[in-house]
Amino acid sequence: MNEHVFQLIQSKMRFLVRAIILVFLFYFMLPLSLIFIPDAMNQTSFIPGVTWAWVYGFLQIPMTWLVGWIYHIKAKRFDQQIEKIEREGMV
């Protein structure tokens, strides 16, 4: 396999591993925080009548959209780099 393709695959894998670790940490912190710091998570947040657990739970929705959007941008960039490598005949 060509060195350019190998480097591209390595950079894509680095990005995917980091993204997966970030997602798992973010999503598993809600149940873990409810287990280990329930008093803090049950306190009222800056929104009257809403606890920090609910705020954190609702933050998971924009987090999902953000990670999906970033992946979409990165995937397009990886595809463009593959097309460039194919056009230059480096494969």
PDB file of N, CA and C in Angstrom:
ATOM      1  N   MET A   1       0.852  -1.177   0.000  1.00  0.00           N
ATOM      2  CA  MET A   1       0.000   0.000   0.000  1.00  0.00           C
ATOM      3  C   MET A   1       0.894   1.235   0.000  1.00  0.00           C
ATOM      4  N   ASN A   2       0.453   2.235  -0.712  1.00  0.00           N
ATOM      5  CA  ASN A   2       1.213   3.459  -0.843  1.00  0.00           C
ATOM      6  C   ASN A   2       1.332   4.170   0.507  1.00  0.00           C
ATOM      7  N   GLU A   3       2.435   4.880   0.686  1.00  0.00           N
ATOM      8  CA  GLU A   3       2.678   5.585   1.951  1.00  0.00           C
ATOM      9  C   GLU A   3       1.647   6.695   2.184  1.00  0.00           C
ATOM     10  N   HIS A   4       1.215   7.374   1.111  1.00  0.00           N
ATOM     11  CA  HIS A   4       0.216   8.442   1.259  1.00  0.00           C
ATOM     12  C   HIS A   4      -1.121   7.882   1.743  1.00  0.00           C
ATOM     13  N   VAL A   5      -1.512   6.761   1.195  1.00  0.00           N
ATOM     14  CA  VAL A   5      -2.773   6.127   1.605  1.00  0.00           C
ATOM     15  C   VAL A   5      -2.662   5.635   3.040  1.00  0.00           C
ATOM     16  N   PHE A   6      -1.531   5.058   3.379  1.00  0.00           N
ATOM     17  CA  PHE A   6      -1.319   4.567   4.739  1.00  0.00           C
ATOM     18  C   PHE A   6      -1.385   5.716   5.747  1.00  0.00           C
ATOM     19  N   GLN A   7      -0.762   6.853   5.440  1.00  0.00           N
ATOM     20  CA  GLN A   7      -0.811   8.018   6.324  1.00  0.00           C
ATOM     21  C   GLN A   7      -2.230   8.549   6.449  1.00  0.00           C
ATOM     22  N   LEU A   8      -2.976   8.535   5.361  1.00  0.00           N
ATOM     23  CA  LEU A   8      -4.361   8.989   5.395  1.00  0.00           C
ATOM     24  C   LEU A   8      -5.225   8.078   6.269  1.00  0.00           C
ATOM     25  N   ILE A   9      -5.016   6.779   6.147  1.00  0.00           N
ATOM     26  CA  ILE A   9      -5.766   5.830   6.973  1.00  0.00           C
ATOM     27  C   ILE A   9      -5.406   6.008   8.444  1.00  0.00           C
ATOM     28  N   GLN A  10      -4.130   6.238   8.733  1.00  0.00           N
ATOM     29  CA  GLN A  10      -3.723   6.459  10.123  1.00  0.00           C
ATOM     30  C   GLN A  10      -4.352   7.724  10.696  1.00  0.00           C
ATOM     31  N   SER A  11      -4.380   8.797   9.914  1.00  0.00           N
ATOM     32  CA  SER A  11      -4.975  10.041  10.421  1.00  0.00           C
ATOM     33  C   SER A  11      -6.481   9.890  10.617  1.00  0.00           C
ATOM     34  N   LYS A  12      -7.135   9.129   9.733  1.00  0.00           N
ATOM     35  CA  LYS A  12      -8.569   8.891   9.896  1.00  0.00           C
ATOM     36  C   LYS A  12      -8.833   8.056  11.147  1.00  0.00           C
ATOM     37  N   MET A  13      -8.019   7.051  11.386  1.00  0.00           N
ATOM     38  CA  MET A  13      -8.188   6.218  12.578  1.00  0.00           C
ATOM     39  C   MET A  13      -7.942   7.018  13.857  1.00  0.00           C
ATOM     40  N   ARG A  14      -6.934   7.904  13.839  1.00  0.00           N
ATOM     41  CA  ARG A  14      -6.692   8.752  15.007  1.00  0.00           C
ATOM     42  C   ARG A  14      -7.908   9.616  15.305  1.00  0.00           C
ATOM     43  N   PHE A  15      -8.480  10.204  14.256  1.00  0.00           N
ATOM     44  CA  PHE A  15      -9.665  11.034  14.443  1.00  0.00           C
ATOM     45  C   PHE A  15     -10.830  10.209  14.994  1.00  0.00           C
ATOM     46  N   LEU A  16     -11.072   9.040  14.426  1.00  0.00           N
ATOM     47  CA  LEU A  16     -12.191   8.207  14.864  1.00  0.00           C
ATOM     48  C   LEU A  16     -12.022   7.741  16.309  1.00  0.00           C
ATOM     49  N   VAL A  17     -10.825   7.351  16.678  1.00  0.00           N
ATOM     50  CA  VAL A  17     -10.589   6.886  18.050  1.00  0.00           C
ATOM     51  C   VAL A  17     -10.822   8.035  19.028  1.00  0.00           C
ATOM     52  N   ARG A  18     -10.317   9.224  18.709  1.00  0.00           N
ATOM     53  CA  ARG A  18     -10.533  10.381  19.590  1.00  0.00           C
ATOM     54  C   ARG A  18     -12.008  10.725  19.691  1.00  0.00           C
ATOM     55  N   ALA A  19     -12.716  10.694  18.576  1.00  0.00           N
ATOM     56  CA  ALA A  19     -14.145  11.022  18.589  1.00  0.00           C
ATOM     57  C   ALA A  19     -14.930  10.003  19.400  1.00  0.00           C
ATOM     58  N   ILE A  20     -14.613   8.736  19.251  1.00  0.00           N
ATOM     59  CA  ILE A  20     -15.319   7.691  19.990  1.00  0.00           C
ATOM     60  C   ILE A  20     -15.055   7.815  21.483  1.00  0.00           C
ATOM     61  N   ILE A  21     -13.810   8.098  21.862  1.00  0.00           N
ATOM     62  CA  ILE A  21     -13.485   8.283  23.282  1.00  0.00           C
ATOM     63  C   ILE A  21     -14.240   9.476  23.844  1.00  0.00           C
ATOM     64  N   LEU A  22     -14.285  10.580  23.098  1.00  0.00           N
ATOM     65  CA  LEU A  22     -15.016  11.759  23.550  1.00  0.00           C
ATOM     66  C   LEU A  22     -16.497  11.462  23.740  1.00  0.00           C
ATOM     67  N   VAL A  23     -17.094  10.776  22.784  1.00  0.00           N
ATOM     68  CA  VAL A  23     -18.523  10.455  22.873  1.00  0.00           C
ATOM     69  C   VAL A  23     -18.811   9.542  24.056  1.00  0.00           C
ATOM     70  N   PHE A  24     -18.004   8.499  24.218  1.00  0.00           N
ATOM     71  CA  PHE A  24     -18.227   7.594  25.349  1.00  0.00           C
ATOM     72  C   PHE A  24     -18.055   8.304  26.686  1.00  0.00           C
ATOM     73  N   LEU A  25     -17.024   9.132  26.807  1.00  0.00           N
ATOM     74  CA  LEU A  25     -16.837   9.874  28.051  1.00  0.00           C
ATOM     75  C   LEU A  25     -18.018  10.791  28.328  1.00  0.00           C
ATOM     76  N   PHE A  26     -18.455  11.518  27.307  1.00  0.00           N
ATOM     77  CA  PHE A  26     -19.542  12.471  27.501  1.00  0.00           C
ATOM     78  C   PHE A  26     -20.837  11.763  27.888  1.00  0.00           C
ATOM     79  N   TYR A  27     -21.165  10.682  27.201  1.00  0.00           N
ATOM     80  CA  TYR A  27     -22.437  10.017  27.463  1.00  0.00           C
ATOM     81  C   TYR A  27     -22.434   9.188  28.741  1.00  0.00           C
ATOM     82  N   PHE A  28     -21.306   8.594  29.101  1.00  0.00           N
ATOM     83  CA  PHE A  28     -21.275   7.794  30.321  1.00  0.00           C
ATOM     84  C   PHE A  28     -21.051   8.634  31.569  1.00  0.00           C
ATOM     85  N   MET A  29     -20.716   9.910  31.409  1.00  0.00           N
ATOM     86  CA  MET A  29     -20.558  10.770  32.583  1.00  0.00           C
ATOM     87  C   MET A  29     -21.901  11.067  33.244  1.00  0.00           C
ATOM     88  N   LEU A  30     -22.999  11.059  32.497  1.00  0.00           N
ATOM     89  CA  LEU A  30     -24.304  11.318  33.118  1.00  0.00           C
ATOM     90  C   LEU A  30     -24.669  10.243  34.131  1.00  0.00           C
ATOM     91  N   PRO A  31     -24.690   8.963  33.771  1.00  0.00           N
ATOM     92  CA  PRO A  31     -25.026   7.969  34.799  1.00  0.00           C
ATOM     93  C   PRO A  31     -23.979   7.886  35.905  1.00  0.00           C
ATOM     94  N   LEU A  32     -22.704   8.077  35.551  1.00  0.00           N
ATOM     95  CA  LEU A  32     -21.669   8.034  36.587  1.00  0.00           C
ATOM     96  C   LEU A  32     -21.793   9.206  37.552  1.00  0.00           C
ATOM     97  N   SER A  33     -22.115  10.380  37.027  1.00  0.00           N
ATOM     98  CA  SER A  33     -22.284  11.526  37.926  1.00  0.00           C
ATOM     99  C   SER A  33     -23.523  11.365  38.800  1.00  0.00           C
ATOM    100  N   LEU A  34     -24.557  10.717  38.273  1.00  0.00           N
ATOM    101  CA  LEU A  34     -25.741  10.460  39.095  1.00  0.00           C
ATOM    102  C   LEU A  34     -25.455   9.445  40.195  1.00  0.00           C
ATOM    103  N   ILE A  35     -24.509   8.541  39.950  1.00  0.00           N
ATOM    104  CA  ILE A  35     -24.137   7.550  40.962  1.00  0.00           C
ATOM    105  C   ILE A  35     -23.226   8.165  42.016  1.00  0.00           C
ATOM    106  N   PHE A  36     -22.199   8.906  41.564  1.00  0.00           N
ATOM    107  CA  PHE A  36     -21.159   9.359  42.487  1.00  0.00           C
ATOM    108  C   PHE A  36     -21.414  10.732  43.104  1.00  0.00           C
ATOM    109  N   ILE A  37     -22.121  11.610  42.419  1.00  0.00           N
ATOM    110  CA  ILE A  37     -22.406  12.935  42.993  1.00  0.00           C
ATOM    111  C   ILE A  37     -23.895  13.276  42.822  1.00  0.00           C
ATOM    112  N   PRO A  38     -24.767  12.478  43.408  1.00  0.00           N
ATOM    113  CA  PRO A  38     -26.197  12.710  43.204  1.00  0.00           C
ATOM    114  C   PRO A  38     -26.685  14.038  43.800  1.00  0.00           C
ATOM    115  N   ASP A  39     -26.065  14.469  44.907  1.00  0.00           N
ATOM    116  CA  ASP A  39     -26.504  15.728  45.511  1.00  0.00           C
ATOM    117  C   ASP A  39     -26.245  16.912  44.581  1.00  0.00           C
ATOM    118  N   ALA A  40     -25.093  16.942  43.940  1.00  0.00           N
ATOM    119  CA  ALA A  40     -24.775  18.041  43.027  1.00  0.00           C
ATOM    120  C   ALA A  40     -25.660  17.997  41.784  1.00  0.00           C
ATOM    121  N   MET A  41     -25.935  16.799  41.279  1.00  0.00           N
ATOM    122  CA  MET A  41     -26.733  16.685  40.051  1.00  0.00           C
ATOM    123  C   MET A  41     -28.209  16.992  40.303  1.00  0.00           C
ATOM    124  N   ASN A  42     -28.664  16.871  41.549  1.00  0.00           N
ATOM    125  CA  ASN A  42     -30.059  17.140  41.871  1.00  0.00           C
ATOM    126  C   ASN A  42     -30.306  18.570  42.335  1.00  0.00           C
ATOM    127  N   GLN A  43     -29.268  19.391  42.343  1.00  0.00           N
ATOM    128  CA  GLN A  43     -29.455  20.794  42.692  1.00  0.00           C
ATOM    129  C   GLN A  43     -30.034  21.561  41.508  1.00  0.00           C
ATOM    130  N   THR A  44     -30.756  22.609  41.807  1.00  0.00           N
ATOM    131  CA  THR A  44     -31.345  23.436  40.752  1.00  0.00           C
ATOM    132  C   THR A  44     -30.240  24.172  40.007  1.00  0.00           C
ATOM    133  N   SER A  45     -30.334  24.171  38.690  1.00  0.00           N
ATOM    134  CA  SER A  45     -29.333  24.813  37.849  1.00  0.00           C
ATOM    135  C   SER A  45     -29.665  26.286  37.668  1.00  0.00           C
ATOM    136  N   PHE A  46     -29.044  26.913  36.679  1.00  0.00           N
ATOM    137  CA  PHE A  46     -29.302  28.315  36.382  1.00  0.00           C
ATOM    138  C   PHE A  46     -30.701  28.527  35.802  1.00  0.00           C
ATOM    139  N   ILE A  47     -31.353  27.444  35.382  1.00  0.00           N
ATOM    140  CA  ILE A  47     -32.733  27.499  34.909  1.00  0.00           C
ATOM    141  C   ILE A  47     -33.615  27.105  36.095  1.00  0.00           C
ATOM    142  N   PRO A  48     -34.479  28.002  36.548  1.00  0.00           N
ATOM    143  CA  PRO A  48     -35.296  27.684  37.728  1.00  0.00           C
ATOM    144  C   PRO A  48     -36.163  26.434  37.520  1.00  0.00           C
ATOM    145  N   GLY A  49     -36.110  25.512  38.478  1.00  0.00           N
ATOM    146  CA  GLY A  49     -36.919  24.312  38.446  1.00  0.00           C
ATOM    147  C   GLY A  49     -36.322  23.156  37.658  1.00  0.00           C
ATOM    148  N   VAL A  50     -35.131  23.339  37.077  1.00  0.00           N
ATOM    149  CA  VAL A  50     -34.483  22.290  36.283  1.00  0.00           C
ATOM    150  C   VAL A  50     -33.172  21.931  36.964  1.00  0.00           C
ATOM    151  N   THR A  51     -32.970  20.639  37.218  1.00  0.00           N
ATOM    152  CA  THR A  51     -31.746  20.208  37.893  1.00  0.00           C
ATOM    153  C   THR A  51     -30.598  20.073  36.893  1.00  0.00           C
ATOM    154  N   TRP A  52     -29.385  19.970  37.443  1.00  0.00           N
ATOM    155  CA  TRP A  52     -28.196  19.822  36.597  1.00  0.00           C
ATOM    156  C   TRP A  52     -28.223  18.513  35.805  1.00  0.00           C
ATOM    157  N   ALA A  53     -28.848  17.489  36.327  1.00  0.00           N
ATOM    158  CA  ALA A  53     -28.951  16.224  35.598  1.00  0.00           C
ATOM    159  C   ALA A  53     -29.752  16.415  34.310  1.00  0.00           C
ATOM    160  N   TRP A  54     -30.848  17.174  34.389  1.00  0.00           N
ATOM    161  CA  TRP A  54     -31.643  17.435  33.196  1.00  0.00           C
ATOM    162  C   TRP A  54     -30.884  18.309  32.203  1.00  0.00           C
ATOM    163  N   VAL A  55     -30.156  19.287  32.705  1.00  0.00           N
ATOM    164  CA  VAL A  55     -29.365  20.154  31.819  1.00  0.00           C
ATOM    165  C   VAL A  55     -28.331  19.319  31.079  1.00  0.00           C
ATOM    166  N   TYR A  56     -27.629  18.461  31.815  1.00  0.00           N
ATOM    167  CA  TYR A  56     -26.614  17.607  31.197  1.00  0.00           C
ATOM    168  C   TYR A  56     -27.254  16.635  30.199  1.00  0.00           C
ATOM    169  N   GLY A  57     -28.402  16.100  30.555  1.00  0.00           N
ATOM    170  CA  GLY A  57     -29.102  15.186  29.643  1.00  0.00           C
ATOM    171  C   GLY A  57     -29.506  15.881  28.350  1.00  0.00           C
ATOM    172  N   PHE A  58     -30.021  17.094  28.452  1.00  0.00           N
ATOM    173  CA  PHE A  58     -30.408  17.817  27.249  1.00  0.00           C
ATOM    174  C   PHE A  58     -29.201  18.291  26.445  1.00  0.00           C
ATOM    175  N   LEU A  59     -28.048  18.477  27.084  1.00  0.00           N
ATOM    176  CA  LEU A  59     -26.833  18.852  26.357  1.00  0.00           C
ATOM    177  C   LEU A  59     -26.336  17.722  25.459  1.00  0.00           C
ATOM    178  N   GLN A  60     -26.798  16.511  25.709  1.00  0.00           N
ATOM    179  CA  GLN A  60     -26.369  15.393  24.872  1.00  0.00           C
ATOM    180  C   GLN A  60     -26.940  15.497  23.453  1.00  0.00           C
ATOM    181  N   ILE A  61     -28.054  16.193  23.296  1.00  0.00           N
ATOM    182  CA  ILE A  61     -28.632  16.358  21.957  1.00  0.00           C
ATOM    183  C   ILE A  61     -27.743  17.229  21.077  1.00  0.00           C
ATOM    184  N   PRO A  62     -27.370  18.464  21.515  1.00  0.00           N
ATOM    185  CA  PRO A  62     -26.466  19.243  20.663  1.00  0.00           C
ATOM    186  C   PRO A  62     -25.096  18.598  20.506  1.00  0.00           C
ATOM    187  N   MET A  63     -24.663  17.849  21.518  1.00  0.00           N
ATOM    188  CA  MET A  63     -23.380  17.153  21.407  1.00  0.00           C
ATOM    189  C   MET A  63     -23.427  16.129  20.277  1.00  0.00           C
ATOM    190  N   THR A  64     -24.521  15.409  20.167  1.00  0.00           N
ATOM    191  CA  THR A  64     -24.673  14.433  19.092  1.00  0.00           C
ATOM    192  C   THR A  64     -24.633  15.117  17.729  1.00  0.00           C
ATOM    193  N   TRP A  65     -25.349  16.218  17.594  1.00  0.00           N
ATOM    194  CA  TRP A  65     -25.348  16.964  16.329  1.00  0.00           C
ATOM    195  C   TRP A  65     -23.959  17.518  16.019  1.00  0.00           C
ATOM    196  N   LEU A  66     -23.264  18.014  17.022  1.00  0.00           N
ATOM    197  CA  LEU A  66     -21.932  18.583  16.815  1.00  0.00           C
ATOM    198  C   LEU A  66     -20.939  17.520  16.362  1.00  0.00           C
ATOM    199  N   VAL A  67     -20.937  16.385  17.023  1.00  0.00           N
ATOM    200  CA  VAL A  67     -20.017  15.307  16.640  1.00  0.00           C
ATOM    201  C   VAL A  67     -20.349  14.801  15.232  1.00  0.00           C
ATOM    202  N   GLY A  68     -21.634  14.685  14.918  1.00  0.00           N
ATOM    203  CA  GLY A  68     -22.026  14.265  13.575  1.00  0.00           C
ATOM    204  C   GLY A  68     -21.604  15.264  12.518  1.00  0.00           C
ATOM    205  N   TRP A  69     -21.739  16.548  12.815  1.00  0.00           N
ATOM    206  CA  TRP A  69     -21.353  17.589  11.862  1.00  0.00           C
ATOM    207  C   TRP A  69     -19.838  17.587  11.642  1.00  0.00           C
ATOM    208  N   ILE A  70     -19.076  17.472  12.745  1.00  0.00           N
ATOM    209  CA  ILE A  70     -17.613  17.432  12.627  1.00  0.00           C
ATOM    210  C   ILE A  70     -17.175  16.202  11.836  1.00  0.00           C
ATOM    211  N   TYR A  71     -17.819  15.059  12.083  1.00  0.00           N
ATOM    212  CA  TYR A  71     -17.478  13.854  11.324  1.00  0.00           C
ATOM    213  C   TYR A  71     -17.793  14.046   9.837  1.00  0.00           C
ATOM    214  N   HIS A  72     -18.905  14.685   9.536  1.00  0.00           N
ATOM    215  CA  HIS A  72     -19.281  14.936   8.139  1.00  0.00           C
ATOM    216  C   HIS A  72     -18.216  15.788   7.438  1.00  0.00           C
ATOM    217  N   ILE A  73     -17.761  16.840   8.097  1.00  0.00           N
ATOM    218  CA  ILE A  73     -16.737  17.715   7.527  1.00  0.00           C
ATOM    219  C   ILE A  73     -15.437  16.950   7.311  1.00  0.00           C
ATOM    220  N   LYS A  74     -15.018  16.197   8.326  1.00  0.00           N
ATOM    221  CA  LYS A  74     -13.768  15.440   8.222  1.00  0.00           C
ATOM    222  C   LYS A  74     -13.860  14.348   7.152  1.00  0.00           C
ATOM    223  N   ALA A  75     -15.003  13.681   7.050  1.00  0.00           N
ATOM    224  CA  ALA A  75     -15.161  12.616   6.057  1.00  0.00           C
ATOM    225  C   ALA A  75     -15.068  13.189   4.645  1.00  0.00           C
ATOM    226  N   LYS A  76     -15.657  14.369   4.432  1.00  0.00           N
ATOM    227  CA  LYS A  76     -15.538  15.003   3.114  1.00  0.00           C
ATOM    228  C   LYS A  76     -14.080  15.325   2.802  1.00  0.00           C
ATOM    229  N   ARG A  77     -13.351  15.787   3.790  1.00  0.00           N
ATOM    230  CA  ARG A  77     -11.937  16.107   3.584  1.00  0.00           C
ATOM    231  C   ARG A  77     -11.133  14.851   3.269  1.00  0.00           C
ATOM    232  N   PHE A  78     -11.410  13.747   3.984  1.00  0.00           N
ATOM    233  CA  PHE A  78     -10.720  12.492   3.701  1.00  0.00           C
ATOM    234  C   PHE A  78     -11.052  12.001   2.289  1.00  0.00           C
ATOM    235  N   ASP A  79     -12.308  12.114   1.885  1.00  0.00           N
ATOM    236  CA  ASP A  79     -12.696  11.697   0.538  1.00  0.00           C
ATOM    237  C   ASP A  79     -11.988  12.525  -0.530  1.00  0.00           C
ATOM    238  N   GLN A  80     -11.859  13.823  -0.295  1.00  0.00           N
ATOM    239  CA  GLN A  80     -11.155  14.679  -1.247  1.00  0.00           C
ATOM    240  C   GLN A  80      -9.686  14.290  -1.347  1.00  0.00           C
ATOM    241  N   GLN A  81      -9.083  13.945  -0.228  1.00  0.00           N
ATOM    242  CA  GLN A  81      -7.684  13.535  -0.260  1.00  0.00           C
ATOM    243  C   GLN A  81      -7.513  12.210  -0.997  1.00  0.00           C
ATOM    244  N   ILE A  82      -8.440  11.282  -0.817  1.00  0.00           N
ATOM    245  CA  ILE A  82      -8.378  10.006  -1.547  1.00  0.00           C
ATOM    246  C   ILE A  82      -8.525  10.244  -3.042  1.00  0.00           C
ATOM    247  N   GLU A  83      -9.475  11.102  -3.438  1.00  0.00           N
ATOM    248  CA  GLU A  83      -9.649  11.416  -4.857  1.00  0.00           C
ATOM    249  C   GLU A  83      -8.392  12.060  -5.437  1.00  0.00           C
ATOM    250  N   LYS A  84      -7.745  12.923  -4.673  1.00  0.00           N
ATOM    251  CA  LYS A  84      -6.512  13.555  -5.125  1.00  0.00           C
ATOM    252  C   LYS A  84      -5.420  12.512  -5.334  1.00  0.00           C
ATOM    253  N   ILE A  85      -5.309  11.576  -4.396  1.00  0.00           N
ATOM    254  CA  ILE A  85      -4.313  10.508  -4.523  1.00  0.00           C
ATOM    255  C   ILE A  85      -4.605   9.637  -5.747  1.00  0.00           C
ATOM    256  N   GLU A  86      -5.893   9.342  -5.989  1.00  0.00           N
ATOM    257  CA  GLU A  86      -6.256   8.524  -7.150  1.00  0.00           C
ATOM    258  C   GLU A  86      -5.963   9.255  -8.454  1.00  0.00           C
ATOM    259  N   ARG A  87      -6.247  10.571  -8.498  1.00  0.00           N
ATOM    260  CA  ARG A  87      -5.990  11.348  -9.719  1.00  0.00           C
ATOM    261  C   ARG A  87      -4.492  11.429 -10.022  1.00  0.00           C
ATOM    262  N   GLU A  88      -3.688  11.539  -8.994  1.00  0.00           N
ATOM    263  CA  GLU A  88      -2.244  11.643  -9.192  1.00  0.00           C
ATOM    264  C   GLU A  88      -1.610  10.291  -9.469  1.00  0.00           C
ATOM    265  N   GLY A  89      -2.394   9.236  -9.340  1.00  0.00           N
ATOM    266  CA  GLY A  89      -1.896   7.899  -9.649  1.00  0.00           C
ATOM    267  C   GLY A  89      -0.917   7.374  -8.630  1.00  0.00           C
ATOM    268  N   MET A  90      -1.082   7.794  -7.370  1.00  0.00           N
ATOM    269  CA  MET A  90      -0.162   7.353  -6.323  1.00  0.00           C
ATOM    270  C   MET A  90      -0.539   6.012  -5.726  1.00  0.00           C
ATOM    271  N   VAL A  91      -1.687   5.477  -6.101  1.00  0.00           N
ATOM    272  CA  VAL A  91      -2.150   4.232  -5.505  1.00  0.00           C
ATOM    273  C   VAL A  91      -1.436   3.055  -6.103  1.00  0.00           C
TER     274      VAL A  91
END
